Amino acid sequence: MFVLIDRLQKKDELALREVVHTYGGYVKAIVLKVLQPNHTAIEECINDVFLIIWQKSNQFTGNEADFKKWIGVIAKYKAIDTYRSLQNKPETVELFPSISSTRGLPERIVEQKSLKEQLFINILGLNKTDQEIFLLKYYLGYSNGEIAEIFAISKSAVENRLYRGKLKLTDEMRWEVSK
């Protein structure tokens, strides 16, 4: 068996560095082909590929040529998974852009405070579950995954509720401001 593979399977960190050095360009080329032009996703995906190689190295059986093919398959499918997850993310909607862009002026500060209070009141107008999800997410800093576990729903269901709630709140805030 190829010595590098044997060392990798024994969890030798130097072997992982050698794998990254030897196959890094190969993995990057595969990932680039799928994820171009999202550079942040490309770097994360490449790191994930090498993490998978590290974690699943004991599952590999074969020679050096098979090892390169195995790495290529991991890179290809991880890049496809990353691409799909990026496609499924809902667009972000800023609830009230003018709040974040105002600073300093006393009347702006008072206006900001008033808008934030109105936003909180509008959140309380959502159904009970959506209220709790919004408060967990935006006031207590819980992640979508943690919220999904709390409510025993999927992460995508949480993301959908947040997205629809933001749209509803945006409409309500526009109506409140135009009064």
N, C-alpha and C. Protein backbone atom coordinates (compact mmCIF):
# COMPACT_ATOMS: atom_id res chain seq x y z
N MET A 1 0.84 -1.18 0.00
CA MET A 1 0.00 0.00 0.00
C MET A 1 0.89 1.24 0.00
N PHE A 2 0.41 2.27 -0.62
CA PHE A 2 1.10 3.54 -0.70
C PHE A 2 1.37 4.06 0.72
N VAL A 3 2.62 4.43 1.02
CA VAL A 3 3.04 4.82 2.36
C VAL A 3 2.25 6.03 2.88
N LEU A 4 2.01 7.00 2.03
CA LEU A 4 1.28 8.20 2.44
C LEU A 4 -0.13 7.83 2.90
N ILE A 5 -0.77 6.93 2.19
CA ILE A 5 -2.13 6.51 2.57
C ILE A 5 -2.10 5.80 3.91
N ASP A 6 -1.11 4.95 4.09
CA ASP A 6 -0.95 4.23 5.35
C ASP A 6 -0.77 5.21 6.52
N ARG A 7 0.05 6.21 6.33
CA ARG A 7 0.29 7.21 7.39
C ARG A 7 -0.99 8.01 7.66
N LEU A 8 -1.71 8.34 6.60
CA LEU A 8 -2.95 9.09 6.74
C LEU A 8 -3.97 8.28 7.53
N GLN A 9 -4.05 7.00 7.24
CA GLN A 9 -4.99 6.13 7.95
C GLN A 9 -4.63 5.97 9.43
N LYS A 10 -3.38 6.20 9.75
CA LYS A 10 -2.93 6.16 11.15
C LYS A 10 -3.06 7.54 11.81
N LYS A 11 -3.70 8.46 11.10
CA LYS A 11 -3.98 9.81 11.58
C LYS A 11 -2.72 10.63 11.85
N ASP A 12 -1.75 10.49 10.96
CA ASP A 12 -0.53 11.29 11.01
C ASP A 12 -0.83 12.64 10.36
N GLU A 13 -0.75 13.73 11.15
CA GLU A 13 -1.09 15.05 10.64
C GLU A 13 -0.14 15.50 9.53
N LEU A 14 1.11 15.08 9.61
CA LEU A 14 2.05 15.44 8.54
C LEU A 14 1.65 14.78 7.22
N ALA A 15 1.07 13.61 7.30
CA ALA A 15 0.58 12.94 6.09
C ALA A 15 -0.56 13.74 5.47
N LEU A 16 -1.42 14.29 6.31
CA LEU A 16 -2.51 15.12 5.80
C LEU A 16 -1.95 16.35 5.10
N ARG A 17 -0.94 16.96 5.67
CA ARG A 17 -0.30 18.11 5.03
C ARG A 17 0.27 17.73 3.67
N GLU A 18 0.87 16.56 3.59
CA GLU A 18 1.40 16.09 2.31
C GLU A 18 0.28 15.86 1.29
N VAL A 19 -0.83 15.32 1.76
CA VAL A 19 -1.97 15.10 0.88
C VAL A 19 -2.48 16.44 0.36
N VAL A 20 -2.58 17.43 1.25
CA VAL A 20 -3.03 18.77 0.83
C VAL A 20 -2.05 19.35 -0.19
N HIS A 21 -0.76 19.20 0.09
CA HIS A 21 0.26 19.73 -0.81
C HIS A 21 0.23 19.01 -2.17
N THR A 22 0.10 17.70 -2.15
CA THR A 22 0.14 16.90 -3.36
C THR A 22 -1.13 17.03 -4.19
N TYR A 23 -2.28 17.00 -3.54
CA TYR A 23 -3.56 16.95 -4.26
C TYR A 23 -4.37 18.25 -4.16
N GLY A 24 -3.83 19.27 -3.53
CA GLY A 24 -4.56 20.53 -3.35
C GLY A 24 -4.99 21.16 -4.66
N GLY A 25 -4.11 21.21 -5.62
CA GLY A 25 -4.45 21.79 -6.92
C GLY A 25 -5.52 21.00 -7.64
N TYR A 26 -5.42 19.69 -7.54
CA TYR A 26 -6.40 18.79 -8.17
C TYR A 26 -7.79 19.02 -7.57
N VAL A 27 -7.85 19.08 -6.24
CA VAL A 27 -9.13 19.31 -5.55
C VAL A 27 -9.67 20.69 -5.91
N LYS A 28 -8.81 21.69 -5.91
CA LYS A 28 -9.25 23.06 -6.22
C LYS A 28 -9.83 23.15 -7.63
N ALA A 29 -9.19 22.47 -8.58
CA ALA A 29 -9.68 22.49 -9.96
C ALA A 29 -11.09 21.90 -10.06
N ILE A 30 -11.33 20.81 -9.34
CA ILE A 30 -12.65 20.16 -9.36
C ILE A 30 -13.69 21.08 -8.72
N VAL A 31 -13.35 21.64 -7.57
CA VAL A 31 -14.28 22.49 -6.84
C VAL A 31 -14.56 23.78 -7.62
N LEU A 32 -13.54 24.36 -8.23
CA LEU A 32 -13.70 25.58 -9.02
C LEU A 32 -14.69 25.37 -10.16
N LYS A 33 -14.60 24.22 -10.79
CA LYS A 33 -15.47 23.92 -11.93
C LYS A 33 -16.94 23.96 -11.53
N VAL A 34 -17.24 23.54 -10.31
CA VAL A 34 -18.63 23.49 -9.85
C VAL A 34 -19.08 24.80 -9.21
N LEU A 35 -18.21 25.45 -8.43
CA LEU A 35 -18.64 26.58 -7.61
C LEU A 35 -18.23 27.96 -8.11
N GLN A 36 -17.54 28.05 -9.24
CA GLN A 36 -17.12 29.35 -9.75
C GLN A 36 -18.30 30.28 -9.84
N PRO A 37 -18.34 31.50 -9.46
CA PRO A 37 -17.30 32.39 -8.97
C PRO A 37 -17.36 32.64 -7.46
N ASN A 38 -18.02 31.80 -6.68
CA ASN A 38 -18.20 32.03 -5.25
C ASN A 38 -16.93 31.64 -4.48
N HIS A 39 -16.00 32.59 -4.32
CA HIS A 39 -14.69 32.30 -3.74
C HIS A 39 -14.76 31.85 -2.28
N THR A 40 -15.66 32.41 -1.51
CA THR A 40 -15.80 32.00 -0.12
C THR A 40 -16.24 30.55 -0.04
N ALA A 41 -17.21 30.19 -0.84
CA ALA A 41 -17.70 28.81 -0.85
C ALA A 41 -16.63 27.86 -1.36
N ILE A 42 -15.81 28.30 -2.31
CA ILE A 42 -14.75 27.46 -2.85
C ILE A 42 -13.76 27.08 -1.76
N GLU A 43 -13.29 28.08 -1.02
CA GLU A 43 -12.31 27.82 0.04
C GLU A 43 -12.89 26.91 1.13
N GLU A 44 -14.14 27.18 1.53
CA GLU A 44 -14.78 26.35 2.54
C GLU A 44 -14.94 24.91 2.05
N CYS A 45 -15.33 24.76 0.80
CA CYS A 45 -15.53 23.44 0.22
C CYS A 45 -14.22 22.65 0.16
N ILE A 46 -13.15 23.31 -0.25
CA ILE A 46 -11.84 22.65 -0.31
C ILE A 46 -11.44 22.17 1.08
N ASN A 47 -11.62 23.03 2.08
CA ASN A 47 -11.31 22.63 3.46
C ASN A 47 -12.17 21.44 3.89
N ASP A 48 -13.45 21.46 3.53
CA ASP A 48 -14.34 20.36 3.87
C ASP A 48 -13.90 19.06 3.20
N VAL A 49 -13.43 19.16 1.96
CA VAL A 49 -12.97 17.96 1.24
C VAL A 49 -11.82 17.31 2.01
N PHE A 50 -10.85 18.12 2.42
CA PHE A 50 -9.71 17.55 3.13
C PHE A 50 -10.09 17.04 4.52
N LEU A 51 -11.08 17.66 5.13
CA LEU A 51 -11.58 17.15 6.40
C LEU A 51 -12.22 15.77 6.20
N ILE A 52 -13.00 15.64 5.13
CA ILE A 52 -13.63 14.34 4.83
C ILE A 52 -12.56 13.28 4.55
N ILE A 53 -11.54 13.66 3.80
CA ILE A 53 -10.44 12.73 3.51
C ILE A 53 -9.79 12.27 4.81
N TRP A 54 -9.58 13.21 5.70
CA TRP A 54 -8.96 12.89 7.01
C TRP A 54 -9.86 11.94 7.80
N GLN A 55 -11.14 12.26 7.87
CA GLN A 55 -12.07 11.48 8.67
C GLN A 55 -12.35 10.10 8.09
N LYS A 56 -12.36 9.98 6.77
CA LYS A 56 -12.75 8.72 6.13
C LYS A 56 -11.58 7.97 5.51
N SER A 57 -10.38 8.34 5.86
CA SER A 57 -9.21 7.70 5.25
C SER A 57 -9.17 6.19 5.50
N ASN A 58 -9.70 5.75 6.63
CA ASN A 58 -9.70 4.32 6.94
C ASN A 58 -10.61 3.52 6.00
N GLN A 59 -11.54 4.19 5.34
CA GLN A 59 -12.45 3.51 4.43
C GLN A 59 -11.83 3.26 3.06
N PHE A 60 -10.70 3.91 2.78
CA PHE A 60 -10.07 3.76 1.48
C PHE A 60 -9.29 2.46 1.41
N THR A 61 -9.49 1.73 0.32
CA THR A 61 -8.67 0.56 0.01
C THR A 61 -8.30 0.65 -1.46
N GLY A 62 -7.06 0.48 -1.74
CA GLY A 62 -6.63 0.55 -3.13
C GLY A 62 -5.21 1.08 -3.24
N ASN A 63 -4.80 1.42 -4.46
CA ASN A 63 -3.44 1.90 -4.69
C ASN A 63 -3.42 3.42 -4.87
N GLU A 64 -2.26 3.94 -5.25
CA GLU A 64 -2.08 5.39 -5.37
C GLU A 64 -3.00 5.99 -6.44
N ALA A 65 -3.16 5.33 -7.55
CA ALA A 65 -4.04 5.85 -8.62
C ALA A 65 -5.49 5.87 -8.15
N ASP A 66 -5.89 4.83 -7.44
CA ASP A 66 -7.25 4.79 -6.89
C ASP A 66 -7.45 5.88 -5.85
N PHE A 67 -6.40 6.20 -5.10
CA PHE A 67 -6.47 7.24 -4.08
C PHE A 67 -6.80 8.59 -4.71
N LYS A 68 -6.14 8.89 -5.83
CA LYS A 68 -6.41 10.15 -6.52
C LYS A 68 -7.85 10.19 -7.02
N LYS A 69 -8.34 9.09 -7.56
CA LYS A 69 -9.73 9.02 -8.02
C LYS A 69 -10.69 9.19 -6.84
N TRP A 70 -10.37 8.55 -5.72
CA TRP A 70 -11.20 8.63 -4.51
C TRP A 70 -11.30 10.08 -4.04
N ILE A 71 -10.17 10.77 -4.02
CA ILE A 71 -10.15 12.18 -3.64
C ILE A 71 -10.99 13.00 -4.62
N GLY A 72 -10.87 12.71 -5.91
CA GLY A 72 -11.64 13.42 -6.92
C GLY A 72 -13.14 13.24 -6.75
N VAL A 73 -13.56 12.05 -6.42
CA VAL A 73 -14.98 11.77 -6.20
C VAL A 73 -15.48 12.54 -4.98
N ILE A 74 -14.70 12.52 -3.90
CA ILE A 74 -15.08 13.27 -2.69
C ILE A 74 -15.21 14.76 -3.03
N ALA A 75 -14.23 15.30 -3.75
CA ALA A 75 -14.25 16.72 -4.11
C ALA A 75 -15.47 17.05 -4.96
N LYS A 76 -15.74 16.20 -5.94
CA LYS A 76 -16.86 16.45 -6.85
C LYS A 76 -18.19 16.47 -6.10
N TYR A 77 -18.43 15.46 -5.28
CA TYR A 77 -19.71 15.38 -4.59
C TYR A 77 -19.85 16.43 -3.49
N LYS A 78 -18.78 16.78 -2.83
CA LYS A 78 -18.83 17.84 -1.82
C LYS A 78 -19.12 19.18 -2.50
N ALA A 79 -18.51 19.44 -3.65
CA ALA A 79 -18.75 20.68 -4.38
C ALA A 79 -20.21 20.74 -4.85
N ILE A 80 -20.75 19.63 -5.32
CA ILE A 80 -22.15 19.59 -5.75
C ILE A 80 -23.07 19.84 -4.56
N ASP A 81 -22.78 19.21 -3.42
CA ASP A 81 -23.59 19.44 -2.21
C ASP A 81 -23.55 20.91 -1.80
N THR A 82 -22.36 21.50 -1.86
CA THR A 82 -22.21 22.92 -1.50
C THR A 82 -23.01 23.79 -2.47
N TYR A 83 -22.91 23.49 -3.74
CA TYR A 83 -23.66 24.24 -4.76
C TYR A 83 -25.15 24.17 -4.48
N ARG A 84 -25.65 22.99 -4.21
CA ARG A 84 -27.08 22.82 -3.93
C ARG A 84 -27.50 23.59 -2.69
N SER A 85 -26.68 23.54 -1.65
CA SER A 85 -27.06 24.25 -0.42
C SER A 85 -27.08 25.76 -0.66
N LEU A 86 -26.19 26.26 -1.51
CA LEU A 86 -26.19 27.69 -1.82
C LEU A 86 -27.42 28.07 -2.63
N GLN A 87 -27.89 27.17 -3.49
CA GLN A 87 -29.07 27.45 -4.31
C GLN A 87 -30.34 27.45 -3.48
N ASN A 88 -30.35 26.68 -2.39
CA ASN A 88 -31.55 26.54 -1.57
C ASN A 88 -31.69 27.61 -0.50
N LYS A 89 -30.65 28.45 -0.32
CA LYS A 89 -30.73 29.49 0.70
C LYS A 89 -31.68 30.58 0.24
N PRO A 90 -32.61 30.95 1.12
CA PRO A 90 -33.51 32.04 0.73
C PRO A 90 -32.74 33.37 0.73
N GLU A 91 -33.25 34.30 -0.08
CA GLU A 91 -32.64 35.62 -0.12
C GLU A 91 -32.81 36.29 1.23
N THR A 92 -31.83 37.10 1.60
CA THR A 92 -31.97 37.84 2.85
C THR A 92 -32.71 39.13 2.57
N VAL A 93 -33.54 39.50 3.49
CA VAL A 93 -34.32 40.72 3.37
C VAL A 93 -33.96 41.60 4.56
N GLU A 94 -33.46 42.80 4.30
CA GLU A 94 -33.15 43.72 5.38
C GLU A 94 -34.46 44.34 5.83
N LEU A 95 -34.74 44.26 7.12
CA LEU A 95 -36.03 44.71 7.62
C LEU A 95 -36.22 46.22 7.45
N PHE A 96 -35.22 46.97 7.78
CA PHE A 96 -35.37 48.41 7.66
C PHE A 96 -33.99 49.01 7.43
N PRO A 97 -33.58 49.15 6.16
CA PRO A 97 -32.23 49.58 5.84
C PRO A 97 -31.83 50.92 6.45
N SER A 98 -32.76 51.85 6.59
CA SER A 98 -32.39 53.17 7.08
C SER A 98 -31.94 53.14 8.54
N ILE A 99 -32.33 52.13 9.31
CA ILE A 99 -31.92 52.05 10.71
C ILE A 99 -30.42 51.90 10.81
N SER A 100 -29.84 51.04 9.98
CA SER A 100 -28.41 50.77 10.08
C SER A 100 -27.55 51.89 9.51
N SER A 101 -28.14 52.76 8.67
CA SER A 101 -27.33 53.78 8.01
C SER A 101 -27.35 55.12 8.74
N THR A 102 -28.16 55.24 9.78
CA THR A 102 -28.21 56.52 10.48
C THR A 102 -27.35 56.48 11.72
N ARG A 103 -26.61 57.58 11.94
CA ARG A 103 -25.76 57.67 13.14
C ARG A 103 -25.71 59.10 13.62
N GLY A 104 -25.61 59.24 14.91
CA GLY A 104 -25.22 60.51 15.47
C GLY A 104 -26.28 61.55 15.71
N LEU A 105 -27.06 61.91 14.74
CA LEU A 105 -28.01 63.00 14.92
C LEU A 105 -29.08 62.62 15.93
N PRO A 106 -29.36 63.50 16.91
CA PRO A 106 -30.32 63.17 17.96
C PRO A 106 -31.69 62.77 17.42
N GLU A 107 -32.19 63.51 16.41
CA GLU A 107 -33.51 63.14 15.88
C GLU A 107 -33.49 61.79 15.19
N ARG A 108 -32.34 61.44 14.60
CA ARG A 108 -32.20 60.10 13.97
C ARG A 108 -32.18 59.02 15.04
N ILE A 109 -31.52 59.29 16.14
CA ILE A 109 -31.44 58.31 17.22
C ILE A 109 -32.83 58.05 17.79
N VAL A 110 -33.60 59.11 18.01
CA VAL A 110 -34.97 58.97 18.50
C VAL A 110 -35.81 58.19 17.49
N GLU A 111 -35.64 58.51 16.19
CA GLU A 111 -36.37 57.82 15.14
C GLU A 111 -36.01 56.34 15.12
N GLN A 112 -34.72 56.06 15.27
CA GLN A 112 -34.26 54.66 15.31
C GLN A 112 -34.93 53.91 16.45
N LYS A 113 -34.92 54.51 17.62
CA LYS A 113 -35.49 53.86 18.80
C LYS A 113 -36.98 53.60 18.57
N SER A 114 -37.65 54.56 18.00
CA SER A 114 -39.08 54.41 17.72
C SER A 114 -39.32 53.28 16.72
N LEU A 115 -38.49 53.23 15.68
CA LEU A 115 -38.64 52.17 14.68
C LEU A 115 -38.36 50.79 15.27
N LYS A 116 -37.35 50.71 16.14
CA LYS A 116 -37.04 49.42 16.78
C LYS A 116 -38.19 48.98 17.68
N GLU A 117 -38.78 49.93 18.40
CA GLU A 117 -39.93 49.59 19.24
C GLU A 117 -41.10 49.12 18.39
N GLN A 118 -41.33 49.80 17.27
CA GLN A 118 -42.42 49.42 16.38
C GLN A 118 -42.17 48.03 15.79
N LEU A 119 -40.91 47.76 15.43
CA LEU A 119 -40.55 46.44 14.91
C LEU A 119 -40.84 45.36 15.94
N PHE A 120 -40.48 45.61 17.19
CA PHE A 120 -40.73 44.64 18.25
C PHE A 120 -42.24 44.42 18.42
N ILE A 121 -43.01 45.49 18.37
CA ILE A 121 -44.47 45.37 18.47
C ILE A 121 -45.01 44.55 17.30
N ASN A 122 -44.49 44.80 16.11
CA ASN A 122 -44.93 44.03 14.94
C ASN A 122 -44.55 42.56 15.04
N ILE A 123 -43.39 42.28 15.63
CA ILE A 123 -43.00 40.87 15.85
C ILE A 123 -44.02 40.21 16.76
N LEU A 124 -44.47 40.93 17.78
CA LEU A 124 -45.47 40.37 18.69
C LEU A 124 -46.82 40.14 17.99
N GLY A 125 -47.00 40.74 16.82
CA GLY A 125 -48.21 40.52 16.04
C GLY A 125 -48.18 39.25 15.21
N LEU A 126 -47.00 38.62 15.11
CA LEU A 126 -46.89 37.35 14.38
C LEU A 126 -47.52 36.24 15.20
N ASN A 127 -47.74 35.07 14.58
CA ASN A 127 -48.28 33.96 15.35
C ASN A 127 -47.24 33.53 16.40
N LYS A 128 -47.69 32.81 17.39
CA LYS A 128 -46.87 32.48 18.56
C LYS A 128 -45.54 31.81 18.19
N THR A 129 -45.59 30.83 17.30
CA THR A 129 -44.37 30.11 16.91
C THR A 129 -43.39 31.04 16.21
N ASP A 130 -43.90 31.86 15.28
CA ASP A 130 -43.02 32.78 14.57
C ASP A 130 -42.43 33.83 15.51
N GLN A 131 -43.22 34.29 16.48
CA GLN A 131 -42.69 35.22 17.49
C GLN A 131 -41.49 34.60 18.20
N GLU A 132 -41.68 33.37 18.66
CA GLU A 132 -40.62 32.70 19.41
C GLU A 132 -39.39 32.48 18.54
N ILE A 133 -39.60 32.10 17.29
CA ILE A 133 -38.47 31.89 16.38
C ILE A 133 -37.71 33.19 16.17
N PHE A 134 -38.43 34.30 15.94
CA PHE A 134 -37.78 35.60 15.75
C PHE A 134 -37.01 36.03 16.99
N LEU A 135 -37.61 35.84 18.14
CA LEU A 135 -36.94 36.25 19.38
C LEU A 135 -35.70 35.39 19.64
N LEU A 136 -35.80 34.10 19.40
CA LEU A 136 -34.63 33.23 19.57
C LEU A 136 -33.52 33.61 18.61
N LYS A 137 -33.88 33.89 17.36
CA LYS A 137 -32.89 34.19 16.33
C LYS A 137 -32.27 35.57 16.52
N TYR A 138 -33.09 36.60 16.59
CA TYR A 138 -32.58 37.96 16.50
C TYR A 138 -32.34 38.66 17.85
N TYR A 139 -32.94 38.14 18.91
CA TYR A 139 -32.72 38.77 20.20
C TYR A 139 -31.81 37.92 21.09
N LEU A 140 -31.89 36.60 20.94
CA LEU A 140 -31.08 35.73 21.79
C LEU A 140 -29.91 35.10 21.04
N GLY A 141 -29.84 35.25 19.71
CA GLY A 141 -28.70 34.80 18.93
C GLY A 141 -28.60 33.31 18.66
N TYR A 142 -29.70 32.59 18.74
CA TYR A 142 -29.67 31.16 18.43
C TYR A 142 -29.47 30.96 16.93
N SER A 143 -28.82 29.85 16.58
CA SER A 143 -28.65 29.52 15.16
C SER A 143 -29.92 28.86 14.65
N ASN A 144 -30.06 28.81 13.33
CA ASN A 144 -31.24 28.16 12.73
C ASN A 144 -31.31 26.69 13.12
N GLY A 145 -30.15 26.02 13.19
CA GLY A 145 -30.12 24.61 13.59
C GLY A 145 -30.60 24.41 15.01
N GLU A 146 -30.19 25.29 15.92
CA GLU A 146 -30.62 25.19 17.32
C GLU A 146 -32.12 25.42 17.44
N ILE A 147 -32.62 26.39 16.68
CA ILE A 147 -34.06 26.68 16.70
C ILE A 147 -34.84 25.49 16.16
N ALA A 148 -34.33 24.89 15.10
CA ALA A 148 -34.98 23.71 14.52
C ALA A 148 -35.09 22.59 15.55
N GLU A 149 -34.03 22.39 16.31
CA GLU A 149 -34.06 21.34 17.35
C GLU A 149 -35.09 21.66 18.43
N ILE A 150 -35.15 22.91 18.85
CA ILE A 150 -36.09 23.32 19.89
C ILE A 150 -37.53 23.05 19.46
N PHE A 151 -37.86 23.37 18.21
CA PHE A 151 -39.23 23.22 17.73
C PHE A 151 -39.49 21.88 17.05
N ALA A 152 -38.46 21.05 16.95
CA ALA A 152 -38.57 19.74 16.31
C ALA A 152 -39.08 19.88 14.87
N ILE A 153 -38.50 20.85 14.15
CA ILE A 153 -38.80 21.04 12.73
C ILE A 153 -37.47 21.08 11.98
N SER A 154 -37.54 21.07 10.66
CA SER A 154 -36.30 21.09 9.88
C SER A 154 -35.70 22.50 9.88
N LYS A 155 -34.41 22.55 9.62
CA LYS A 155 -33.71 23.84 9.54
C LYS A 155 -34.29 24.69 8.41
N SER A 156 -34.64 24.05 7.29
CA SER A 156 -35.21 24.80 6.17
C SER A 156 -36.58 25.37 6.55
N ALA A 157 -37.34 24.68 7.40
CA ALA A 157 -38.63 25.22 7.86
C ALA A 157 -38.40 26.49 8.68
N VAL A 158 -37.36 26.48 9.52
CA VAL A 158 -37.02 27.67 10.30
C VAL A 158 -36.64 28.81 9.35
N GLU A 159 -35.79 28.51 8.36
CA GLU A 159 -35.37 29.54 7.40
C GLU A 159 -36.56 30.10 6.64
N ASN A 160 -37.50 29.24 6.24
CA ASN A 160 -38.69 29.70 5.53
C ASN A 160 -39.56 30.59 6.41
N ARG A 161 -39.74 30.21 7.68
CA ARG A 161 -40.54 31.03 8.60
C ARG A 161 -39.90 32.39 8.81
N LEU A 162 -38.57 32.40 8.96
CA LEU A 162 -37.86 33.68 9.13
C LEU A 162 -38.00 34.54 7.88
N TYR A 163 -37.86 33.94 6.73
CA TYR A 163 -37.95 34.68 5.48
C TYR A 163 -39.34 35.29 5.30
N ARG A 164 -40.37 34.45 5.47
CA ARG A 164 -41.74 34.94 5.31
C ARG A 164 -42.07 35.99 6.37
N GLY A 165 -41.59 35.78 7.59
CA GLY A 165 -41.81 36.76 8.65
C GLY A 165 -41.15 38.09 8.35
N LYS A 166 -39.93 38.04 7.80
CA LYS A 166 -39.24 39.29 7.44
C LYS A 166 -40.01 40.04 6.36
N LEU A 167 -40.50 39.29 5.38
CA LEU A 167 -41.29 39.94 4.33
C LEU A 167 -42.52 40.62 4.92
N LYS A 168 -43.22 39.91 5.81
CA LYS A 168 -44.42 40.47 6.44
C LYS A 168 -44.07 41.70 7.28
N LEU A 169 -43.00 41.60 8.05
CA LEU A 169 -42.59 42.73 8.89
C LEU A 169 -42.15 43.92 8.05
N THR A 170 -41.47 43.66 6.96
CA THR A 170 -41.05 44.74 6.07
C THR A 170 -42.25 45.49 5.53
N ASP A 171 -43.26 44.75 5.09
CA ASP A 171 -44.49 45.38 4.59
C ASP A 171 -45.17 46.20 5.69
N GLU A 172 -45.26 45.64 6.89
CA GLU A 172 -45.90 46.34 8.00
C GLU A 172 -45.13 47.61 8.38
N MET A 173 -43.80 47.51 8.37
CA MET A 173 -42.98 48.67 8.74
C MET A 173 -43.11 49.76 7.68
N ARG A 174 -43.17 49.40 6.43
CA ARG A 174 -43.36 50.40 5.36
C ARG A 174 -44.71 51.10 5.55
N TRP A 175 -45.73 50.33 5.89
CA TRP A 175 -47.05 50.89 6.10
C TRP A 175 -47.04 51.82 7.31
N GLU A 176 -46.38 51.43 8.41
CA GLU A 176 -46.30 52.25 9.62
C GLU A 176 -45.59 53.57 9.34
N VAL A 177 -44.51 53.52 8.57
CA VAL A 177 -43.73 54.72 8.29
C VAL A 177 -44.51 55.67 7.39
N SER A 178 -45.31 55.12 6.49
CA SER A 178 -46.03 55.97 5.54
C SER A 178 -47.27 56.64 6.16
N LYS A 179 -47.64 56.26 7.37
CA LYS A 179 -48.83 56.85 8.02
C LYS A 179 -48.66 58.33 8.20
